[in-house]
Amino acid sequence: MNQDRKSTKTVIIPQGAFIMGTDIEPFYGTALVNAEHAKLDEAPMHVRFLKAYAIEQYPVTNAEYAAFVQATKHPPPTHWNNGKFADEDADLPVVHVNWYDSNAYAQWAGKRLPTEAEWEKASRGPDGRIYPWGNTFIPEESESTDTSQTLTTHLTPVGTRPATASPYGIGETVGNVWEWTADWYQPYPDPKYKVSQRATDGKHKTLRGGSWLEAREGTAERYFRCANRLHAPPDYKARNIGFRCVREIPHAQDESVHIPVEPLVDYVKQKKLANLHLLQKRAQKNSLKDTLIAIFLIGGATYCVVREPELVLGGTIIGIIGTGFLFSASVNFWRRWRAAQRAKQVKSENFLPLLSDT
């Protein structure tokens, strides 16, 4: 490790609880607004508790990584020309680094890669927001009275997008590069299953954030969500993957609790119940609508078959369509019943097993 190395600016994330993951259930998928683009590996929404830690405000840059390469003779990124980056690229996030490269840099710097929980808390804040800046997606490059660029279709120097800052002041967790984390890709603990139904092979590391490439491809709204998870083999490299580091802080700075556990646990439970109640209402409305349509169509088909022999073929087709609506009505009835059962489970669930201090 280079003891004399000038460290980049870090921000202390205070000890306390935060909301992690997304409220999404397999039986209703992404029907809810706050889970519009969610994937099942983000579930369940739960409360985590972390000790205080310090995280770098921005991803590691080419200039910072070059100091590591020079000091350790570590192989430079393959896209550098003759092992050196262009002078104008000094403040761009370093890319074409795999997990092993990133971890080696972190150890040299006296730091480490963040866990998924540490990354998500730093990006999302304690309140479970969808994006670092809030719950509304900013669809394109925009400027307002107090923000600047948010989305660009290329790498940009770190520190040039204040609009992407998180509640803790952490910049560019989305919009520039994906970031390696310390964790192997695994499902979150879920009290509904003793053994997770979303098995993983334990051979991929988790990536967090979202990059300029998603902005170019028009998928930023989906991938820039703080709870979104991506994974790749640890030896994988790409032009849109980088990293940032965290460091431990003295225990003297880790005494007070910023956000206590109990209020967030209660909030998460009430949020789940509200979502399930909304689902019951939607399913009941759709079930009633589909039932009425099915009765009308099947009734018309029966009339054609019995009273109008020349319309048998058309009546049969109408009857098949009506049967489809009847099936849809039964599915929505089942969804309503399932949501009611889940609501009962949520009311009786103990959320404490989902808490963690690591």
Protein backbone atom coordinates (compact mmCIF):
# COMPACT_ATOMS: atom_id res chain seq x y z
CA MET A 1 0.00 0.00 0.00
CA ASN A 2 1.20 3.52 -0.74
CA GLN A 3 1.08 5.20 2.68
CA ASP A 4 1.84 8.65 1.20
CA ARG A 5 -0.80 8.53 -1.45
CA LYS A 6 -3.15 11.48 -1.37
CA SER A 7 -6.64 10.03 -0.91
CA THR A 8 -9.67 11.17 -2.85
CA LYS A 9 -12.50 12.91 -1.09
CA THR A 10 -14.64 10.55 0.96
CA VAL A 11 -18.02 11.11 2.58
CA ILE A 12 -18.99 9.55 5.90
CA ILE A 13 -22.27 7.65 5.74
CA PRO A 14 -23.69 7.74 9.28
CA GLN A 15 -24.60 4.68 11.29
CA GLY A 16 -28.24 3.75 10.97
CA ALA A 17 -30.98 1.95 9.10
CA PHE A 18 -32.09 2.34 5.51
CA ILE A 19 -34.54 0.76 3.07
CA MET A 20 -33.01 -1.71 0.63
CA GLY A 21 -34.57 -3.56 -2.30
CA THR A 22 -37.94 -3.19 -4.01
CA ASP A 23 -41.44 -4.25 -3.01
CA ILE A 24 -42.25 -6.77 -5.72
CA GLU A 25 -43.99 -10.12 -5.44
CA PRO A 26 -43.88 -12.95 -8.01
CA PHE A 27 -47.68 -13.16 -8.22
CA TYR A 28 -48.17 -9.57 -9.36
CA GLY A 29 -44.82 -8.69 -10.84
CA THR A 30 -44.29 -5.05 -11.70
CA ALA A 31 -47.91 -3.92 -11.37
CA LEU A 32 -47.02 -1.27 -8.80
CA VAL A 33 -45.65 2.15 -9.67
CA ASN A 34 -42.64 1.92 -7.35
CA ALA A 35 -41.72 -1.42 -8.92
CA GLU A 36 -42.39 -0.55 -12.55
CA HIS A 37 -38.97 -1.65 -13.79
CA ALA A 38 -38.03 -3.95 -10.93
CA LYS A 39 -36.67 -7.47 -11.17
CA LEU A 40 -37.33 -10.28 -8.72
CA ASP A 41 -33.73 -10.30 -7.49
CA GLU A 42 -34.44 -6.93 -5.85
CA ALA A 43 -37.10 -8.40 -3.57
CA PRO A 44 -37.99 -8.22 -0.82
CA MET A 45 -37.93 -4.58 0.19
CA HIS A 46 -36.37 -4.71 3.63
CA VAL A 47 -34.58 -2.72 6.32
CA ARG A 48 -30.84 -2.97 6.80
CA PHE A 49 -28.68 -1.49 9.54
CA LEU A 50 -25.10 -0.47 8.81
CA LYS A 51 -22.28 0.85 10.94
CA ALA A 52 -20.84 4.15 9.78
CA TYR A 53 -18.33 4.04 6.94
CA ALA A 54 -16.68 6.41 4.48
CA ILE A 55 -17.18 6.06 0.73
CA GLU A 56 -15.43 7.89 -2.07
CA GLN A 57 -17.53 10.69 -3.48
CA TYR A 58 -16.79 9.69 -7.08
CA PRO A 59 -15.60 6.63 -9.02
CA VAL A 60 -11.84 6.06 -9.22
CA THR A 61 -10.32 8.02 -12.11
CA ASN A 62 -7.66 7.23 -14.66
CA ALA A 63 -5.19 9.48 -12.86
CA GLU A 64 -5.78 7.76 -9.53
CA TYR A 65 -5.54 4.32 -11.07
CA ALA A 66 -2.32 5.28 -12.87
CA ALA A 67 -0.65 5.98 -9.53
CA PHE A 68 -1.52 2.43 -8.50
CA VAL A 69 -0.21 0.99 -11.76
CA GLN A 70 3.05 2.90 -11.45
CA ALA A 71 3.57 1.94 -7.81
CA THR A 72 2.73 -1.75 -8.14
CA LYS A 73 3.51 -2.51 -11.80
CA HIS A 74 -0.06 -3.80 -12.10
CA PRO A 75 -1.09 -4.23 -15.76
CA PRO A 76 -2.80 -1.05 -17.01
CA PRO A 77 -6.23 -1.08 -18.67
CA THR A 78 -5.99 -2.45 -22.18
CA HIS A 79 -7.44 0.66 -23.82
CA TRP A 80 -4.64 2.91 -22.54
CA ASN A 81 -2.15 3.73 -25.29
CA ASN A 82 1.24 2.20 -24.42
CA GLY A 83 0.09 1.83 -20.85
CA LYS A 84 -0.81 5.52 -20.45
CA PHE A 85 -4.04 7.47 -20.69
CA ALA A 86 -4.45 10.67 -22.66
CA ASP A 87 -3.93 13.83 -20.60
CA GLU A 88 -7.50 15.00 -21.23
CA ASP A 89 -8.81 11.72 -19.80
CA ALA A 90 -7.23 12.11 -16.36
CA ASP A 91 -10.54 12.77 -14.58
CA LEU A 92 -12.59 10.18 -16.44
CA PRO A 93 -13.59 7.09 -14.45
CA VAL A 94 -11.18 4.25 -15.10
CA VAL A 95 -12.82 1.46 -17.11
CA HIS A 96 -11.82 -1.90 -18.57
CA VAL A 97 -10.98 -3.07 -15.05
CA ASN A 98 -12.29 -6.34 -13.70
CA TRP A 99 -13.16 -7.16 -10.10
CA TYR A 100 -9.66 -8.41 -9.33
CA ASP A 101 -8.10 -5.18 -10.65
CA SER A 102 -10.54 -3.10 -8.61
CA ASN A 103 -9.98 -5.11 -5.45
CA ALA A 104 -6.18 -4.89 -5.85
CA TYR A 105 -6.40 -1.11 -6.18
CA ALA A 106 -8.61 -0.86 -3.10
CA GLN A 107 -6.17 -2.92 -1.01
CA TRP A 108 -3.23 -0.83 -2.23
CA ALA A 109 -5.09 2.34 -1.25
CA GLY A 110 -5.84 0.99 2.23
CA LYS A 111 -9.51 0.68 1.45
CA ARG A 112 -11.91 -1.96 0.12
CA LEU A 113 -14.78 -2.33 -2.31
CA PRO A 114 -18.23 -1.49 -0.92
CA THR A 115 -20.75 -4.17 -0.10
CA GLU A 116 -24.05 -4.02 -1.98
CA ALA A 117 -25.74 -2.62 1.11
CA GLU A 118 -23.10 0.09 1.54
CA TRP A 119 -23.35 1.07 -2.10
CA GLU A 120 -27.15 1.20 -2.09
CA LYS A 121 -27.38 3.21 1.12
CA ALA A 122 -24.84 5.74 -0.15
CA SER A 123 -26.69 6.08 -3.45
CA ARG A 124 -30.26 5.87 -2.22
CA GLY A 125 -30.25 7.47 1.18
CA PRO A 126 -32.31 6.02 4.03
CA ASP A 127 -35.77 6.63 2.58
CA GLY A 128 -36.02 4.04 -0.20
CA ARG A 129 -36.11 6.51 -3.08
CA ILE A 130 -36.02 5.12 -6.61
CA TYR A 131 -33.20 7.26 -8.03
CA PRO A 132 -30.39 9.07 -6.19
CA TRP A 133 -32.12 12.42 -6.75
CA GLY A 134 -35.68 11.28 -5.93
CA ASN A 135 -38.56 9.21 -7.26
CA THR A 136 -38.98 10.84 -10.67
CA PHE A 137 -36.79 9.90 -13.61
CA ILE A 138 -35.12 12.72 -15.53
CA PRO A 139 -35.60 11.59 -19.13
CA GLU A 140 -32.83 13.48 -20.89
CA GLU A 141 -29.95 15.89 -20.45
CA SER A 142 -31.44 18.80 -18.61
CA GLU A 143 -30.54 21.93 -16.73
CA SER A 144 -32.44 23.75 -14.03
CA THR A 145 -31.64 26.45 -11.52
CA ASP A 146 -29.62 24.18 -9.25
CA THR A 147 -28.57 21.16 -11.31
CA SER A 148 -26.50 20.42 -14.40
CA GLN A 149 -26.09 17.41 -16.67
CA THR A 150 -27.67 14.20 -15.49
CA LEU A 151 -27.61 11.90 -18.52
CA THR A 152 -24.93 11.77 -21.18
CA THR A 153 -24.16 9.15 -23.78
CA HIS A 154 -20.41 9.05 -23.09
CA LEU A 155 -17.99 9.00 -20.18
CA THR A 156 -17.65 12.35 -18.44
CA PRO A 157 -15.10 13.68 -15.92
CA VAL A 158 -16.11 12.98 -12.36
CA GLY A 159 -17.71 15.85 -10.47
CA THR A 160 -19.44 17.39 -13.48
CA ARG A 161 -22.96 16.12 -12.73
CA PRO A 162 -24.23 17.55 -9.44
CA ALA A 163 -27.76 16.54 -10.42
CA THR A 164 -26.87 12.88 -9.82
CA ALA A 165 -25.84 13.44 -6.20
CA SER A 166 -27.46 11.25 -3.55
CA PRO A 167 -28.94 12.52 -0.28
CA TYR A 168 -25.49 12.00 1.28
CA GLY A 169 -23.73 13.94 -1.47
CA ILE A 170 -22.32 10.89 -3.23
CA GLY A 171 -21.94 11.70 -6.91
CA GLU A 172 -22.47 9.71 -10.08
CA THR A 173 -23.56 6.42 -8.63
CA VAL A 174 -25.58 6.33 -11.85
CA GLY A 175 -24.93 7.74 -15.28
CA ASN A 176 -21.19 7.28 -15.72
CA VAL A 177 -20.05 3.70 -15.03
CA TRP A 178 -21.31 0.51 -13.44
CA GLU A 179 -19.39 -0.21 -10.24
CA TRP A 180 -18.01 -3.43 -8.81
CA THR A 181 -19.01 -4.34 -5.26
CA ALA A 182 -17.41 -6.73 -2.80
CA ASP A 183 -20.34 -9.17 -2.78
CA TRP A 184 -20.98 -12.34 -4.68
CA TYR A 185 -24.33 -12.20 -6.45
CA GLN A 186 -26.88 -13.90 -4.20
CA PRO A 187 -30.61 -13.52 -3.47
CA TYR A 188 -31.64 -11.41 -0.53
CA PRO A 189 -32.86 -13.23 2.58
CA ASP A 190 -36.61 -13.69 2.38
CA PRO A 191 -38.74 -14.83 5.34
CA LYS A 192 -41.29 -16.41 3.00
CA TYR A 193 -38.83 -19.08 1.88
CA LYS A 194 -36.52 -21.22 4.02
CA VAL A 195 -34.48 -21.86 0.89
CA SER A 196 -34.50 -19.21 -1.78
CA GLN A 197 -36.25 -20.04 -5.02
CA ARG A 198 -33.88 -17.73 -6.89
CA ALA A 199 -30.76 -19.86 -6.82
CA THR A 200 -27.38 -18.53 -7.97
CA ASP A 201 -24.12 -20.26 -8.71
CA GLY A 202 -21.90 -18.06 -6.54
CA LYS A 203 -19.59 -17.36 -9.46
CA HIS A 204 -20.61 -13.79 -10.27
CA LYS A 205 -19.85 -10.55 -8.47
CA THR A 206 -22.53 -7.90 -8.14
CA LEU A 207 -22.39 -4.64 -10.06
CA ARG A 208 -24.33 -1.54 -9.09
CA GLY A 209 -25.29 1.73 -10.73
CA GLY A 210 -25.87 2.45 -14.38
CA SER A 211 -23.66 3.81 -17.12
CA TRP A 212 -23.52 6.14 -20.10
CA LEU A 213 -24.25 3.13 -22.31
CA GLU A 214 -27.78 2.75 -20.88
CA ALA A 215 -28.38 6.44 -21.56
CA ARG A 216 -27.32 5.88 -25.16
CA GLU A 217 -29.56 2.81 -25.52
CA GLY A 218 -32.59 4.46 -23.93
CA THR A 219 -32.78 2.08 -20.94
CA ALA A 220 -31.60 4.51 -18.27
CA GLU A 221 -35.00 4.72 -16.57
CA ARG A 222 -34.80 1.00 -15.85
CA TYR A 223 -31.13 0.62 -14.96
CA PHE A 224 -30.45 3.86 -13.08
CA ARG A 225 -32.69 2.80 -10.19
CA CYS A 226 -30.71 2.54 -6.95
CA ALA A 227 -32.09 -0.93 -6.16
CA ASN A 228 -31.20 -2.39 -9.55
CA ARG A 229 -28.69 -5.25 -9.52
CA LEU A 230 -26.41 -6.52 -12.24
CA HIS A 231 -23.82 -9.29 -12.06
CA ALA A 232 -20.83 -10.57 -14.01
CA PRO A 233 -17.89 -12.95 -13.60
CA PRO A 234 -15.09 -11.28 -11.59
CA ASP A 235 -12.72 -11.42 -14.56
CA TYR A 236 -15.12 -9.50 -16.82
CA LYS A 237 -14.08 -6.13 -18.24
CA ALA A 238 -16.05 -3.55 -20.19
CA ARG A 239 -15.86 0.03 -21.38
CA ASN A 240 -18.63 1.06 -18.98
CA ILE A 241 -17.52 -0.66 -15.75
CA GLY A 242 -15.44 1.00 -13.03
CA PHE A 243 -15.50 1.15 -9.24
CA ARG A 244 -15.17 3.26 -6.11
CA CYS A 245 -13.82 2.39 -2.67
CA VAL A 246 -14.86 2.61 0.96
CA ARG A 247 -12.83 2.75 4.15
CA GLU A 248 -13.49 2.04 7.77
CA ILE A 249 -13.81 4.96 10.17
CA PRO A 250 -12.73 5.29 13.80
CA HIS A 251 -15.27 3.97 16.27
CA ALA A 252 -15.42 7.40 17.87
CA GLN A 253 -17.29 8.59 14.79
CA ASP A 254 -19.65 5.63 14.87
CA GLU A 255 -21.58 6.15 18.08
CA SER A 256 -24.78 8.01 17.24
CA VAL A 257 -27.55 6.43 15.19
CA HIS A 258 -28.73 8.60 12.32
CA ILE A 259 -31.88 6.66 11.44
CA PRO A 260 -33.21 4.13 13.99
CA VAL A 261 -34.50 0.74 12.93
CA GLU A 262 -38.01 0.69 14.37
CA PRO A 263 -39.59 3.56 12.38
CA LEU A 264 -38.27 2.18 9.10
CA VAL A 265 -39.47 -1.34 9.89
CA ASP A 266 -42.94 0.04 10.56
CA TYR A 267 -42.80 2.15 7.39
CA VAL A 268 -41.81 -0.84 5.25
CA LYS A 269 -44.63 -2.93 6.70
CA GLN A 270 -47.21 -0.19 6.11
CA LYS A 271 -45.88 0.37 2.58
CA LYS A 272 -46.21 -3.34 1.77
CA LEU A 273 -49.76 -3.40 3.14
CA ALA A 274 -50.72 -0.32 1.12
CA ASN A 275 -49.34 -1.89 -2.06
CA LEU A 276 -51.18 -5.14 -1.41
CA HIS A 277 -54.42 -3.28 -0.72
CA LEU A 278 -53.99 -1.41 -4.02
CA LEU A 279 -53.43 -4.71 -5.79
CA GLN A 280 -56.61 -6.18 -4.28
CA LYS A 281 -58.64 -3.24 -5.57
CA ARG A 282 -57.12 -3.48 -9.04
CA ALA A 283 -57.60 -7.24 -9.23
CA GLN A 284 -61.20 -7.00 -8.05
CA LYS A 285 -61.99 -4.31 -10.62
CA ASN A 286 -60.35 -6.27 -13.45
CA SER A 287 -62.01 -9.50 -12.40
CA LEU A 288 -65.46 -7.90 -12.42
CA LYS A 289 -64.84 -6.24 -15.79
CA ASP A 290 -63.57 -9.47 -17.39
CA THR A 291 -66.48 -11.45 -15.94
CA LEU A 292 -69.05 -9.07 -17.44
CA ILE A 293 -67.34 -9.18 -20.82
CA ALA A 294 -67.17 -12.99 -20.67
CA ILE A 295 -70.88 -13.27 -19.83
CA PHE A 296 -71.78 -10.99 -22.72
CA LEU A 297 -69.58 -12.85 -25.23
CA ILE A 298 -70.48 -16.38 -24.11
CA GLY A 299 -74.17 -15.42 -24.04
CA GLY A 300 -73.94 -14.07 -27.57
CA ALA A 301 -72.09 -17.16 -28.74
CA THR A 302 -74.72 -19.43 -27.23
CA TYR A 303 -77.50 -17.50 -28.96
CA CYS A 304 -75.72 -17.79 -32.33
CA VAL A 305 -75.16 -21.52 -31.99
CA VAL A 306 -78.70 -22.32 -30.79
CA ARG A 307 -80.81 -19.83 -32.73
CA GLU A 308 -78.75 -18.96 -35.82
CA PRO A 309 -77.17 -22.10 -37.34
CA GLU A 310 -75.52 -20.09 -40.14
CA LEU A 311 -73.56 -18.19 -37.49
CA VAL A 312 -72.15 -21.26 -35.73
CA LEU A 313 -68.55 -20.56 -36.78
CA GLY A 314 -68.70 -16.94 -35.70
CA GLY A 315 -70.46 -17.90 -32.48
CA THR A 316 -67.79 -20.47 -31.73
CA ILE A 317 -65.04 -17.89 -32.18
CA ILE A 318 -66.89 -15.43 -29.96
CA GLY A 319 -67.33 -18.17 -27.38
CA ILE A 320 -63.60 -18.91 -27.38
CA ILE A 321 -62.84 -15.22 -26.86
CA GLY A 322 -65.38 -15.10 -24.04
CA THR A 323 -63.74 -18.12 -22.42
CA GLY A 324 -60.43 -16.24 -22.55
CA PHE A 325 -61.98 -13.33 -20.66
CA LEU A 326 -63.43 -15.79 -18.15
CA PHE A 327 -59.98 -17.23 -17.60
CA SER A 328 -58.57 -13.72 -17.15
CA ALA A 329 -61.30 -13.01 -14.59
CA SER A 330 -60.34 -16.13 -12.64
CA VAL A 331 -56.66 -15.12 -12.70
CA ASN A 332 -57.52 -11.71 -11.30
CA PHE A 333 -59.73 -13.31 -8.68
CA TRP A 334 -56.78 -15.48 -7.69
CA ARG A 335 -54.50 -12.42 -7.57
CA ARG A 336 -56.95 -10.68 -5.25
CA TRP A 337 -57.08 -13.73 -3.00
CA ARG A 338 -53.28 -14.05 -3.06
CA ALA A 339 -52.83 -10.39 -2.17
CA ALA A 340 -55.20 -10.79 0.77
CA GLN A 341 -53.24 -13.80 2.00
CA ARG A 342 -49.94 -11.93 1.65
CA ALA A 343 -51.40 -9.00 3.59
CA LYS A 344 -52.20 -11.36 6.47
CA GLN A 345 -48.65 -12.69 6.35
CA VAL A 346 -47.14 -9.21 6.33
CA LYS A 347 -49.17 -8.19 9.37
CA SER A 348 -47.77 -11.13 11.32
CA GLU A 349 -44.23 -11.12 9.88
CA ASN A 350 -41.26 -10.30 12.04
CA PHE A 351 -39.01 -8.12 9.92
CA LEU A 352 -36.05 -8.26 12.28
CA PRO A 353 -34.38 -11.27 10.56
CA LEU A 354 -33.86 -9.03 7.54
CA LEU A 355 -31.71 -6.60 9.52
CA SER A 356 -27.96 -6.73 9.22
CA ASP A 357 -25.01 -4.75 10.50
CA THR A 358 -22.71 -5.79 7.68
